[in-house]
mmCIF file of all heavy atoms, coordinates in Angstrom:
data_MODEL
# 
_entry.id   MODEL 
# 
loop_
_atom_site.group_PDB 
_atom_site.id 
_atom_site.type_symbol 
_atom_site.label_atom_id 
_atom_site.label_alt_id 
_atom_site.label_comp_id 
_atom_site.label_asym_id 
_atom_site.label_entity_id 
_atom_site.label_seq_id 
_atom_site.pdbx_PDB_ins_code 
_atom_site.Cartn_x 
_atom_site.Cartn_y 
_atom_site.Cartn_z 
_atom_site.occupancy 
_atom_site.B_iso_or_equiv 
_atom_site.pdbx_formal_charge 
_atom_site.auth_seq_id 
_atom_site.auth_comp_id 
_atom_site.auth_asym_id 
_atom_site.auth_atom_id 
_atom_site.pdbx_PDB_model_num 
ATOM 1   N N   . SER A 1 1  ? 82.307 93.558  193.404 1.00 0.00 ? 1  SER A N   1 
ATOM 2   C CA  . SER A 1 1  ? 81.078 93.899  194.138 1.00 0.00 ? 1  SER A CA  1 
ATOM 3   C C   . SER A 1 1  ? 80.119 94.812  193.310 1.00 0.00 ? 1  SER A C   1 
ATOM 4   O O   . SER A 1 1  ? 78.911 94.612  193.331 1.00 0.00 ? 1  SER A O   1 
ATOM 5   C CB  . SER A 1 1  ? 81.449 94.480  195.531 1.00 0.00 ? 1  SER A CB  1 
ATOM 6   O OG  . SER A 1 1  ? 82.193 93.591  196.302 1.00 0.00 ? 1  SER A OG  1 
ATOM 7   N N   . VAL A 1 2  ? 80.766 95.806  192.723 1.00 0.00 ? 2  VAL A N   1 
ATOM 8   C CA  . VAL A 1 2  ? 79.970 96.754  191.938 1.00 0.00 ? 2  VAL A CA  1 
ATOM 9   C C   . VAL A 1 2  ? 79.417 95.999  190.708 1.00 0.00 ? 2  VAL A C   1 
ATOM 10  O O   . VAL A 1 2  ? 78.293 96.246  190.232 1.00 0.00 ? 2  VAL A O   1 
ATOM 11  C CB  . VAL A 1 2  ? 80.775 97.925  191.484 1.00 0.00 ? 2  VAL A CB  1 
ATOM 12  C CG1 . VAL A 1 2  ? 79.983 98.886  190.601 1.00 0.00 ? 2  VAL A CG1 1 
ATOM 13  C CG2 . VAL A 1 2  ? 81.274 98.717  192.737 1.00 0.00 ? 2  VAL A CG2 1 
ATOM 14  N N   . MET A 1 3  ? 80.207 95.087  190.126 1.00 0.00 ? 3  MET A N   1 
ATOM 15  C CA  . MET A 1 3  ? 79.744 94.308  188.952 1.00 0.00 ? 3  MET A CA  1 
ATOM 16  C C   . MET A 1 3  ? 78.552 93.436  189.352 1.00 0.00 ? 3  MET A C   1 
ATOM 17  O O   . MET A 1 3  ? 77.640 93.258  188.544 1.00 0.00 ? 3  MET A O   1 
ATOM 18  C CB  . MET A 1 3  ? 80.880 93.449  188.394 1.00 0.00 ? 3  MET A CB  1 
ATOM 19  C CG  . MET A 1 3  ? 80.477 92.680  187.150 1.00 0.00 ? 3  MET A CG  1 
ATOM 20  S SD  . MET A 1 3  ? 79.785 93.674  185.777 1.00 0.00 ? 3  MET A SD  1 
ATOM 21  C CE  . MET A 1 3  ? 81.355 94.397  185.170 1.00 0.00 ? 3  MET A CE  1 
ATOM 22  N N   . HIS A 1 4  ? 78.563 92.936  190.573 1.00 0.00 ? 4  HIS A N   1 
ATOM 23  C CA  . HIS A 1 4  ? 77.449 92.109  191.040 1.00 0.00 ? 4  HIS A CA  1 
ATOM 24  C C   . HIS A 1 4  ? 76.161 92.943  191.083 1.00 0.00 ? 4  HIS A C   1 
ATOM 25  O O   . HIS A 1 4  ? 75.099 92.514  190.635 1.00 0.00 ? 4  HIS A O   1 
ATOM 26  C CB  . HIS A 1 4  ? 77.735 91.584  192.448 1.00 0.00 ? 4  HIS A CB  1 
ATOM 27  C CG  . HIS A 1 4  ? 76.775 90.581  192.923 1.00 0.00 ? 4  HIS A CG  1 
ATOM 28  N ND1 . HIS A 1 4  ? 76.736 90.079  194.248 1.00 0.00 ? 4  HIS A ND1 1 
ATOM 29  C CD2 . HIS A 1 4  ? 75.797 89.855  192.263 1.00 0.00 ? 4  HIS A CD2 1 
ATOM 30  C CE1 . HIS A 1 4  ? 75.772 89.164  194.350 1.00 0.00 ? 4  HIS A CE1 1 
ATOM 31  N NE2 . HIS A 1 4  ? 75.215 89.009  193.176 1.00 0.00 ? 4  HIS A NE2 1 
ATOM 32  N N   . LEU A 1 5  ? 76.291 94.186  191.562 1.00 0.00 ? 5  LEU A N   1 
ATOM 33  C CA  . LEU A 1 5  ? 75.141 95.153  191.489 1.00 0.00 ? 5  LEU A CA  1 
ATOM 34  C C   . LEU A 1 5  ? 74.705 95.444  190.063 1.00 0.00 ? 5  LEU A C   1 
ATOM 35  O O   . LEU A 1 5  ? 73.523 95.455  189.753 1.00 0.00 ? 5  LEU A O   1 
ATOM 36  C CB  . LEU A 1 5  ? 75.516 96.426  192.282 1.00 0.00 ? 5  LEU A CB  1 
ATOM 37  C CG  . LEU A 1 5  ? 74.447 97.527  192.241 1.00 0.00 ? 5  LEU A CG  1 
ATOM 38  C CD1 . LEU A 1 5  ? 73.188 97.104  193.015 1.00 0.00 ? 5  LEU A CD1 1 
ATOM 39  C CD2 . LEU A 1 5  ? 74.999 98.813  192.887 1.00 0.00 ? 5  LEU A CD2 1 
ATOM 40  N N   . ARG A 1 6  ? 75.722 95.707  189.218 1.00 0.00 ? 6  ARG A N   1 
ATOM 41  C CA  . ARG A 1 6  ? 75.397 96.027  187.824 1.00 0.00 ? 6  ARG A CA  1 
ATOM 42  C C   . ARG A 1 6  ? 74.618 94.885  187.127 1.00 0.00 ? 6  ARG A C   1 
ATOM 43  O O   . ARG A 1 6  ? 73.765 95.121  186.280 1.00 0.00 ? 6  ARG A O   1 
ATOM 44  C CB  . ARG A 1 6  ? 76.698 96.409  187.094 1.00 0.00 ? 6  ARG A CB  1 
ATOM 45  C CG  . ARG A 1 6  ? 77.383 97.599  187.625 1.00 0.00 ? 6  ARG A CG  1 
ATOM 46  C CD  . ARG A 1 6  ? 78.727 97.877  186.997 1.00 0.00 ? 6  ARG A CD  1 
ATOM 47  N NE  . ARG A 1 6  ? 78.609 98.427  185.689 1.00 0.00 ? 6  ARG A NE  1 
ATOM 48  C CZ  . ARG A 1 6  ? 79.707 98.707  184.877 1.00 0.00 ? 6  ARG A CZ  1 
ATOM 49  N NH1 . ARG A 1 6  ? 80.923 98.378  185.313 1.00 0.00 ? 6  ARG A NH1 1 
ATOM 50  N NH2 . ARG A 1 6  ? 79.548 99.202  183.683 1.00 0.00 ? 6  ARG A NH2 1 
ATOM 51  N N   . GLU A 1 7  ? 75.082 93.640  187.408 1.00 0.00 ? 7  GLU A N   1 
ATOM 52  C CA  . GLU A 1 7  ? 74.384 92.470  186.784 1.00 0.00 ? 7  GLU A CA  1 
ATOM 53  C C   . GLU A 1 7  ? 72.903 92.421  187.253 1.00 0.00 ? 7  GLU A C   1 
ATOM 54  O O   . GLU A 1 7  ? 72.013 92.150  186.465 1.00 0.00 ? 7  GLU A O   1 
ATOM 55  C CB  . GLU A 1 7  ? 75.090 91.208  187.184 1.00 0.00 ? 7  GLU A CB  1 
ATOM 56  C CG  . GLU A 1 7  ? 76.458 91.094  186.560 1.00 0.00 ? 7  GLU A CG  1 
ATOM 57  C CD  . GLU A 1 7  ? 77.316 89.940  187.158 1.00 0.00 ? 7  GLU A CD  1 
ATOM 58  O OE1 . GLU A 1 7  ? 76.910 89.444  188.255 1.00 0.00 ? 7  GLU A OE1 1 
ATOM 59  O OE2 . GLU A 1 7  ? 78.340 89.627  186.567 1.00 0.00 ? 7  GLU A OE2 1 
ATOM 60  N N   . GLN A 1 8  ? 72.656 92.736  188.535 1.00 0.00 ? 8  GLN A N   1 
ATOM 61  C CA  . GLN A 1 8  ? 71.300 92.776  189.063 1.00 0.00 ? 8  GLN A CA  1 
ATOM 62  C C   . GLN A 1 8  ? 70.502 93.876  188.372 1.00 0.00 ? 8  GLN A C   1 
ATOM 63  O O   . GLN A 1 8  ? 69.280 93.736  188.056 1.00 0.00 ? 8  GLN A O   1 
ATOM 64  C CB  . GLN A 1 8  ? 71.279 92.920  190.572 1.00 0.00 ? 8  GLN A CB  1 
ATOM 65  C CG  . GLN A 1 8  ? 71.851 91.714  191.283 1.00 0.00 ? 8  GLN A CG  1 
ATOM 66  C CD  . GLN A 1 8  ? 71.016 90.512  191.033 1.00 0.00 ? 8  GLN A CD  1 
ATOM 67  O OE1 . GLN A 1 8  ? 69.817 90.453  191.186 1.00 0.00 ? 8  GLN A OE1 1 
ATOM 68  N NE2 . GLN A 1 8  ? 71.686 89.358  190.664 1.00 0.00 ? 8  GLN A NE2 1 
ATOM 69  N N   . LEU A 1 9  ? 71.135 95.055  188.210 1.00 0.00 ? 9  LEU A N   1 
ATOM 70  C CA  . LEU A 1 9  ? 70.398 96.158  187.571 1.00 0.00 ? 9  LEU A CA  1 
ATOM 71  C C   . LEU A 1 9  ? 70.091 95.827  186.086 1.00 0.00 ? 9  LEU A C   1 
ATOM 72  O O   . LEU A 1 9  ? 69.033 96.209  185.596 1.00 0.00 ? 9  LEU A O   1 
ATOM 73  C CB  . LEU A 1 9  ? 71.294 97.431  187.616 1.00 0.00 ? 9  LEU A CB  1 
ATOM 74  C CG  . LEU A 1 9  ? 71.593 98.001  188.996 1.00 0.00 ? 9  LEU A CG  1 
ATOM 75  C CD1 . LEU A 1 9  ? 72.450 99.257  188.829 1.00 0.00 ? 9  LEU A CD1 1 
ATOM 76  C CD2 . LEU A 1 9  ? 70.323 98.308  189.754 1.00 0.00 ? 9  LEU A CD2 1 
ATOM 77  N N   . THR A 1 10 ? 70.965 95.077  185.443 1.00 0.00 ? 10 THR A N   1 
ATOM 78  C CA  . THR A 1 10 ? 70.744 94.635  184.075 1.00 0.00 ? 10 THR A CA  1 
ATOM 79  C C   . THR A 1 10 ? 69.497 93.750  183.984 1.00 0.00 ? 10 THR A C   1 
ATOM 80  O O   . THR A 1 10 ? 68.634 93.901  183.145 1.00 0.00 ? 10 THR A O   1 
ATOM 81  C CB  . THR A 1 10 ? 71.953 93.941  183.511 1.00 0.00 ? 10 THR A CB  1 
ATOM 82  O OG1 . THR A 1 10 ? 73.040 94.823  183.480 1.00 0.00 ? 10 THR A OG1 1 
ATOM 83  C CG2 . THR A 1 10 ? 71.676 93.425  182.082 1.00 0.00 ? 10 THR A CG2 1 
ATOM 84  N N   . ASP A 1 11 ? 69.405 92.858  184.948 1.00 0.00 ? 11 ASP A N   1 
ATOM 85  C CA  . ASP A 1 11 ? 68.256 91.926  184.963 1.00 0.00 ? 11 ASP A CA  1 
ATOM 86  C C   . ASP A 1 11 ? 66.949 92.676  185.311 1.00 0.00 ? 11 ASP A C   1 
ATOM 87  O O   . ASP A 1 11 ? 65.917 92.460  184.634 1.00 0.00 ? 11 ASP A O   1 
ATOM 88  C CB  . ASP A 1 11 ? 68.458 90.833  186.050 1.00 0.00 ? 11 ASP A CB  1 
ATOM 89  C CG  . ASP A 1 11 ? 69.578 89.915  185.698 1.00 0.00 ? 11 ASP A CG  1 
ATOM 90  O OD1 . ASP A 1 11 ? 69.973 89.836  184.507 1.00 0.00 ? 11 ASP A OD1 1 
ATOM 91  O OD2 . ASP A 1 11 ? 70.149 89.248  186.612 1.00 0.00 ? 11 ASP A OD2 1 
ATOM 92  N N   . LYS A 1 12 ? 66.964 93.545  186.288 1.00 0.00 ? 12 LYS A N   1 
ATOM 93  C CA  . LYS A 1 12 ? 65.731 94.264  186.695 1.00 0.00 ? 12 LYS A CA  1 
ATOM 94  C C   . LYS A 1 12 ? 65.395 95.402  185.782 1.00 0.00 ? 12 LYS A C   1 
ATOM 95  O O   . LYS A 1 12 ? 64.174 95.643  185.578 1.00 0.00 ? 12 LYS A O   1 
ATOM 96  C CB  . LYS A 1 12 ? 65.944 94.802  188.121 1.00 0.00 ? 12 LYS A CB  1 
ATOM 97  C CG  . LYS A 1 12 ? 66.359 93.773  189.204 1.00 0.00 ? 12 LYS A CG  1 
ATOM 98  C CD  . LYS A 1 12 ? 65.305 92.703  189.367 1.00 0.00 ? 12 LYS A CD  1 
ATOM 99  C CE  . LYS A 1 12 ? 65.606 91.788  190.530 1.00 0.00 ? 12 LYS A CE  1 
ATOM 100 N NZ  . LYS A 1 12 ? 66.888 91.027  190.416 1.00 0.00 ? 12 LYS A NZ  1 
ATOM 101 N N   . GLY A 1 13 ? 66.364 96.054  185.208 1.00 0.00 ? 13 GLY A N   1 
ATOM 102 C CA  . GLY A 1 13 ? 66.070 97.195  184.396 1.00 0.00 ? 13 GLY A CA  1 
ATOM 103 C C   . GLY A 1 13 ? 65.843 96.898  182.905 1.00 0.00 ? 13 GLY A C   1 
ATOM 104 O O   . GLY A 1 13 ? 65.575 97.773  182.108 1.00 0.00 ? 13 GLY A O   1 
ATOM 105 N N   . GLN A 1 14 ? 66.041 95.621  182.533 1.00 0.00 ? 14 GLN A N   1 
ATOM 106 C CA  . GLN A 1 14 ? 65.869 95.205  181.148 1.00 0.00 ? 14 GLN A CA  1 
ATOM 107 C C   . GLN A 1 14 ? 66.678 96.047  180.220 1.00 0.00 ? 14 GLN A C   1 
ATOM 108 O O   . GLN A 1 14 ? 66.295 96.458  179.095 1.00 0.00 ? 14 GLN A O   1 
ATOM 109 C CB  . GLN A 1 14 ? 64.346 95.297  180.753 1.00 0.00 ? 14 GLN A CB  1 
ATOM 110 C CG  . GLN A 1 14 ? 63.524 94.303  181.526 1.00 0.00 ? 14 GLN A CG  1 
ATOM 111 C CD  . GLN A 1 14 ? 62.062 94.768  181.687 1.00 0.00 ? 14 GLN A CD  1 
ATOM 112 O OE1 . GLN A 1 14 ? 61.712 95.850  181.273 1.00 0.00 ? 14 GLN A OE1 1 
ATOM 113 N NE2 . GLN A 1 14 ? 61.233 93.930  182.249 1.00 0.00 ? 14 GLN A NE2 1 
ATOM 114 N N   . CYS A 1 15 ? 67.912 96.319  180.673 1.00 0.00 ? 15 CYS A N   1 
ATOM 115 C CA  . CYS A 1 15 ? 68.877 97.079  179.843 1.00 0.00 ? 15 CYS A CA  1 
ATOM 116 C C   . CYS A 1 15 ? 70.226 96.321  179.871 1.00 0.00 ? 15 CYS A C   1 
ATOM 117 O O   . CYS A 1 15 ? 70.908 96.268  180.951 1.00 0.00 ? 15 CYS A O   1 
ATOM 118 C CB  . CYS A 1 15 ? 69.052 98.509  180.343 1.00 0.00 ? 15 CYS A CB  1 
ATOM 119 S SG  . CYS A 1 15 ? 70.236 99.449  179.407 1.00 0.00 ? 15 CYS A SG  1 
ATOM 120 N N   . SER A 1 16 ? 70.619 95.747  178.839 1.00 0.00 ? 16 SER A N   1 
ATOM 121 C CA  . SER A 1 16 ? 71.804 94.845  178.810 1.00 0.00 ? 16 SER A CA  1 
ATOM 122 C C   . SER A 1 16 ? 73.119 95.576  178.919 1.00 0.00 ? 16 SER A C   1 
ATOM 123 O O   . SER A 1 16 ? 74.175 94.952  179.215 1.00 0.00 ? 16 SER A O   1 
ATOM 124 C CB  . SER A 1 16 ? 71.774 94.043  177.514 1.00 0.00 ? 16 SER A CB  1 
ATOM 125 O OG  . SER A 1 16 ? 71.865 94.907  176.339 1.00 0.00 ? 16 SER A OG  1 
ATOM 126 N N   . SER A 1 17 ? 73.115 96.895  178.768 1.00 0.00 ? 17 SER A N   1 
ATOM 127 C CA  . SER A 1 17 ? 74.399 97.636  178.758 1.00 0.00 ? 17 SER A CA  1 
ATOM 128 C C   . SER A 1 17 ? 74.800 98.106  180.138 1.00 0.00 ? 17 SER A C   1 
ATOM 129 O O   . SER A 1 17 ? 75.857 98.826  180.232 1.00 0.00 ? 17 SER A O   1 
ATOM 130 C CB  . SER A 1 17 ? 74.272 98.819  177.772 1.00 0.00 ? 17 SER A CB  1 
ATOM 131 O OG  . SER A 1 17 ? 73.223 99.688  178.095 1.00 0.00 ? 17 SER A OG  1 
ATOM 132 N N   . PHE A 1 18 ? 74.081 97.811  181.208 1.00 0.00 ? 18 PHE A N   1 
ATOM 133 C CA  . PHE A 1 18 ? 74.485 98.316  182.499 1.00 0.00 ? 18 PHE A CA  1 
ATOM 134 C C   . PHE A 1 18 ? 75.829 97.699  182.980 1.00 0.00 ? 18 PHE A C   1 
ATOM 135 O O   . PHE A 1 18 ? 76.449 98.202  183.872 1.00 0.00 ? 18 PHE A O   1 
ATOM 136 C CB  . PHE A 1 18 ? 73.406 98.066  183.553 1.00 0.00 ? 18 PHE A CB  1 
ATOM 137 C CG  . PHE A 1 18 ? 72.621 99.295  183.866 1.00 0.00 ? 18 PHE A CG  1 
ATOM 138 C CD1 . PHE A 1 18 ? 71.339 99.467  183.330 1.00 0.00 ? 18 PHE A CD1 1 
ATOM 139 C CD2 . PHE A 1 18 ? 73.145 100.291 184.684 1.00 0.00 ? 18 PHE A CD2 1 
ATOM 140 C CE1 . PHE A 1 18 ? 70.605 100.642 183.639 1.00 0.00 ? 18 PHE A CE1 1 
ATOM 141 C CE2 . PHE A 1 18 ? 72.398 101.445 185.001 1.00 0.00 ? 18 PHE A CE2 1 
ATOM 142 C CZ  . PHE A 1 18 ? 71.137 101.592 184.488 1.00 0.00 ? 18 PHE A CZ  1 
ATOM 143 N N   . THR A 1 19 ? 76.188 96.532  182.408 1.00 0.00 ? 19 THR A N   1 
ATOM 144 C CA  . THR A 1 19 ? 77.385 95.872  182.861 1.00 0.00 ? 19 THR A CA  1 
ATOM 145 C C   . THR A 1 19 ? 78.679 96.305  182.123 1.00 0.00 ? 19 THR A C   1 
ATOM 146 O O   . THR A 1 19 ? 79.773 95.961  182.502 1.00 0.00 ? 19 THR A O   1 
ATOM 147 C CB  . THR A 1 19 ? 77.290 94.345  182.751 1.00 0.00 ? 19 THR A CB  1 
ATOM 148 O OG1 . THR A 1 19 ? 76.940 94.032  181.366 1.00 0.00 ? 19 THR A OG1 1 
ATOM 149 C CG2 . THR A 1 19 ? 76.198 93.805  183.689 1.00 0.00 ? 19 THR A CG2 1 
ATOM 150 N N   . ASN A 1 20 ? 78.477 97.049  181.006 1.00 0.00 ? 20 ASN A N   1 
ATOM 151 C CA  . ASN A 1 20 ? 79.699 97.373  180.243 1.00 0.00 ? 20 ASN A CA  1 
ATOM 152 C C   . ASN A 1 20 ? 79.758 98.791  179.687 1.00 0.00 ? 20 ASN A C   1 
ATOM 153 O O   . ASN A 1 20 ? 80.829 99.232  179.300 1.00 0.00 ? 20 ASN A O   1 
ATOM 154 C CB  . ASN A 1 20 ? 79.849 96.380  179.060 1.00 0.00 ? 20 ASN A CB  1 
ATOM 155 C CG  . ASN A 1 20 ? 78.581 96.286  178.188 1.00 0.00 ? 20 ASN A CG  1 
ATOM 156 O OD1 . ASN A 1 20 ? 77.872 97.294  178.023 1.00 0.00 ? 20 ASN A OD1 1 
ATOM 157 N ND2 . ASN A 1 20 ? 78.318 95.107  177.693 1.00 0.00 ? 20 ASN A ND2 1 
ATOM 158 N N   . ALA A 1 21 ? 78.653 99.483  179.689 1.00 0.00 ? 21 ALA A N   1 
ATOM 159 C CA  . ALA A 1 21 ? 78.629 100.843 179.085 1.00 0.00 ? 21 ALA A CA  1 
ATOM 160 C C   . ALA A 1 21 ? 78.571 101.961 180.125 1.00 0.00 ? 21 ALA A C   1 
ATOM 161 O O   . ALA A 1 21 ? 78.163 101.780 181.225 1.00 0.00 ? 21 ALA A O   1 
ATOM 162 C CB  . ALA A 1 21 ? 77.420 100.959 178.155 1.00 0.00 ? 21 ALA A CB  1 
ATOM 163 N N   . GLU A 1 22 ? 79.063 103.076 179.725 1.00 0.00 ? 22 GLU A N   1 
ATOM 164 C CA  . GLU A 1 22 ? 79.050 104.286 180.617 1.00 0.00 ? 22 GLU A CA  1 
ATOM 165 C C   . GLU A 1 22 ? 77.596 104.863 180.518 1.00 0.00 ? 22 GLU A C   1 
ATOM 166 O O   . GLU A 1 22 ? 77.046 105.076 179.416 1.00 0.00 ? 22 GLU A O   1 
ATOM 167 C CB  . GLU A 1 22 ? 80.066 105.335 180.184 1.00 0.00 ? 22 GLU A CB  1 
ATOM 168 C CG  . GLU A 1 22 ? 80.023 106.594 181.096 1.00 0.00 ? 22 GLU A CG  1 
ATOM 169 C CD  . GLU A 1 22 ? 81.110 107.537 180.721 1.00 0.00 ? 22 GLU A CD  1 
ATOM 170 O OE1 . GLU A 1 22 ? 81.994 107.189 179.932 1.00 0.00 ? 22 GLU A OE1 1 
ATOM 171 O OE2 . GLU A 1 22 ? 81.035 108.668 181.236 1.00 0.00 ? 22 GLU A OE2 1 
ATOM 172 N N   . LYS A 1 23 ? 77.011 105.154 181.650 1.00 0.00 ? 23 LYS A N   1 
ATOM 173 C CA  . LYS A 1 23 ? 75.662 105.682 181.742 1.00 0.00 ? 23 LYS A CA  1 
ATOM 174 C C   . LYS A 1 23 ? 75.685 107.087 182.386 1.00 0.00 ? 23 LYS A C   1 
ATOM 175 O O   . LYS A 1 23 ? 76.673 107.479 182.951 1.00 0.00 ? 23 LYS A O   1 
ATOM 176 C CB  . LYS A 1 23 ? 74.716 104.783 182.540 1.00 0.00 ? 23 LYS A CB  1 
ATOM 177 C CG  . LYS A 1 23 ? 74.612 103.356 181.985 1.00 0.00 ? 23 LYS A CG  1 
ATOM 178 C CD  . LYS A 1 23 ? 73.679 103.296 180.807 1.00 0.00 ? 23 LYS A CD  1 
ATOM 179 C CE  . LYS A 1 23 ? 73.382 101.856 180.416 1.00 0.00 ? 23 LYS A CE  1 
ATOM 180 N NZ  . LYS A 1 23 ? 72.490 101.820 179.268 1.00 0.00 ? 23 LYS A NZ  1 
ATOM 181 N N   . ASP A 1 24 ? 74.524 107.769 182.220 1.00 0.00 ? 24 ASP A N   1 
ATOM 182 C CA  . ASP A 1 24 ? 74.379 108.991 182.996 1.00 0.00 ? 24 ASP A CA  1 
ATOM 183 C C   . ASP A 1 24 ? 73.974 108.634 184.441 1.00 0.00 ? 24 ASP A C   1 
ATOM 184 O O   . ASP A 1 24 ? 73.137 107.740 184.664 1.00 0.00 ? 24 ASP A O   1 
ATOM 185 C CB  . ASP A 1 24 ? 73.256 109.860 182.358 1.00 0.00 ? 24 ASP A CB  1 
ATOM 186 C CG  . ASP A 1 24 ? 73.257 111.259 182.964 1.00 0.00 ? 24 ASP A CG  1 
ATOM 187 O OD1 . ASP A 1 24 ? 72.565 111.481 184.006 1.00 0.00 ? 24 ASP A OD1 1 
ATOM 188 O OD2 . ASP A 1 24 ? 73.893 112.132 182.402 1.00 0.00 ? 24 ASP A OD2 1 
ATOM 189 N N   . PRO A 1 25 ? 74.577 109.281 185.450 1.00 0.00 ? 25 PRO A N   1 
ATOM 190 C CA  . PRO A 1 25 ? 74.261 108.969 186.847 1.00 0.00 ? 25 PRO A CA  1 
ATOM 191 C C   . PRO A 1 25 ? 72.767 109.070 187.132 1.00 0.00 ? 25 PRO A C   1 
ATOM 192 O O   . PRO A 1 25 ? 72.255 108.264 187.932 1.00 0.00 ? 25 PRO A O   1 
ATOM 193 C CB  . PRO A 1 25 ? 75.004 109.998 187.623 1.00 0.00 ? 25 PRO A CB  1 
ATOM 194 C CG  . PRO A 1 25 ? 76.199 110.349 186.747 1.00 0.00 ? 25 PRO A CG  1 
ATOM 195 C CD  . PRO A 1 25 ? 75.642 110.268 185.368 1.00 0.00 ? 25 PRO A CD  1 
ATOM 196 N N   . GLU A 1 26 ? 72.073 109.997 186.484 1.00 0.00 ? 26 GLU A N   1 
ATOM 197 C CA  . GLU A 1 26 ? 70.633 110.134 186.669 1.00 0.00 ? 26 GLU A CA  1 
ATOM 198 C C   . GLU A 1 26 ? 69.866 108.862 186.259 1.00 0.00 ? 26 GLU A C   1 
ATOM 199 O O   . GLU A 1 26 ? 68.927 108.500 186.919 1.00 0.00 ? 26 GLU A O   1 
ATOM 200 C CB  . GLU A 1 26 ? 70.110 111.343 185.934 1.00 0.00 ? 26 GLU A CB  1 
ATOM 201 C CG  . GLU A 1 26 ? 68.641 111.700 186.230 1.00 0.00 ? 26 GLU A CG  1 
ATOM 202 C CD  . GLU A 1 26 ? 68.176 112.990 185.603 1.00 0.00 ? 26 GLU A CD  1 
ATOM 203 O OE1 . GLU A 1 26 ? 68.986 113.571 184.808 1.00 0.00 ? 26 GLU A OE1 1 
ATOM 204 O OE2 . GLU A 1 26 ? 67.059 113.419 185.879 1.00 0.00 ? 26 GLU A OE2 1 
ATOM 205 N N   . GLU A 1 27 ? 70.292 108.244 185.208 1.00 0.00 ? 27 GLU A N   1 
ATOM 206 C CA  . GLU A 1 27 ? 69.672 107.015 184.719 1.00 0.00 ? 27 GLU A CA  1 
ATOM 207 C C   . GLU A 1 27 ? 69.821 105.894 185.742 1.00 0.00 ? 27 GLU A C   1 
ATOM 208 O O   . GLU A 1 27 ? 68.891 105.175 186.077 1.00 0.00 ? 27 GLU A O   1 
ATOM 209 C CB  . GLU A 1 27 ? 70.263 106.578 183.397 1.00 0.00 ? 27 GLU A CB  1 
ATOM 210 C CG  . GLU A 1 27 ? 69.577 105.326 182.812 1.00 0.00 ? 27 GLU A CG  1 
ATOM 211 C CD  . GLU A 1 27 ? 70.243 104.974 181.475 1.00 0.00 ? 27 GLU A CD  1 
ATOM 212 O OE1 . GLU A 1 27 ? 71.120 105.679 180.960 1.00 0.00 ? 27 GLU A OE1 1 
ATOM 213 O OE2 . GLU A 1 27 ? 69.802 103.946 180.876 1.00 0.00 ? 27 GLU A OE2 1 
ATOM 214 N N   . PHE A 1 28 ? 71.044 105.845 186.332 1.00 0.00 ? 28 PHE A N   1 
ATOM 215 C CA  . PHE A 1 28 ? 71.276 104.831 187.435 1.00 0.00 ? 28 PHE A CA  1 
ATOM 216 C C   . PHE A 1 28 ? 70.426 105.109 188.658 1.00 0.00 ? 28 PHE A C   1 
ATOM 217 O O   . PHE A 1 28 ? 69.792 104.209 189.215 1.00 0.00 ? 28 PHE A O   1 
ATOM 218 C CB  . PHE A 1 28 ? 72.784 104.880 187.769 1.00 0.00 ? 28 PHE A CB  1 
ATOM 219 C CG  . PHE A 1 28 ? 73.146 104.271 189.071 1.00 0.00 ? 28 PHE A CG  1 
ATOM 220 C CD1 . PHE A 1 28 ? 72.825 102.954 189.404 1.00 0.00 ? 28 PHE A CD1 1 
ATOM 221 C CD2 . PHE A 1 28 ? 73.750 105.061 190.040 1.00 0.00 ? 28 PHE A CD2 1 
ATOM 222 C CE1 . PHE A 1 28 ? 73.181 102.403 190.578 1.00 0.00 ? 28 PHE A CE1 1 
ATOM 223 C CE2 . PHE A 1 28 ? 74.075 104.482 191.341 1.00 0.00 ? 28 PHE A CE2 1 
ATOM 224 C CZ  . PHE A 1 28 ? 73.784 103.148 191.561 1.00 0.00 ? 28 PHE A CZ  1 
ATOM 225 N N   . LEU A 1 29 ? 70.386 106.377 189.071 1.00 0.00 ? 29 LEU A N   1 
ATOM 226 C CA  . LEU A 1 29 ? 69.593 106.742 190.271 1.00 0.00 ? 29 LEU A CA  1 
ATOM 227 C C   . LEU A 1 29 ? 68.084 106.488 190.088 1.00 0.00 ? 29 LEU A C   1 
ATOM 228 O O   . LEU A 1 29 ? 67.472 106.001 190.965 1.00 0.00 ? 29 LEU A O   1 
ATOM 229 C CB  . LEU A 1 29 ? 69.839 108.202 190.664 1.00 0.00 ? 29 LEU A CB  1 
ATOM 230 C CG  . LEU A 1 29 ? 71.289 108.573 191.173 1.00 0.00 ? 29 LEU A CG  1 
ATOM 231 C CD1 . LEU A 1 29 ? 71.416 110.039 191.389 1.00 0.00 ? 29 LEU A CD1 1 
ATOM 232 C CD2 . LEU A 1 29 ? 71.603 107.816 192.421 1.00 0.00 ? 29 LEU A CD2 1 
# 
């Protein structure tokens, strides 16, 4: 379920690493 969200964030955010890399929580928010 979280991966489904991450895939959508990758599409919308134009950042390919949202599905596999560790990010800063602030970047996600």
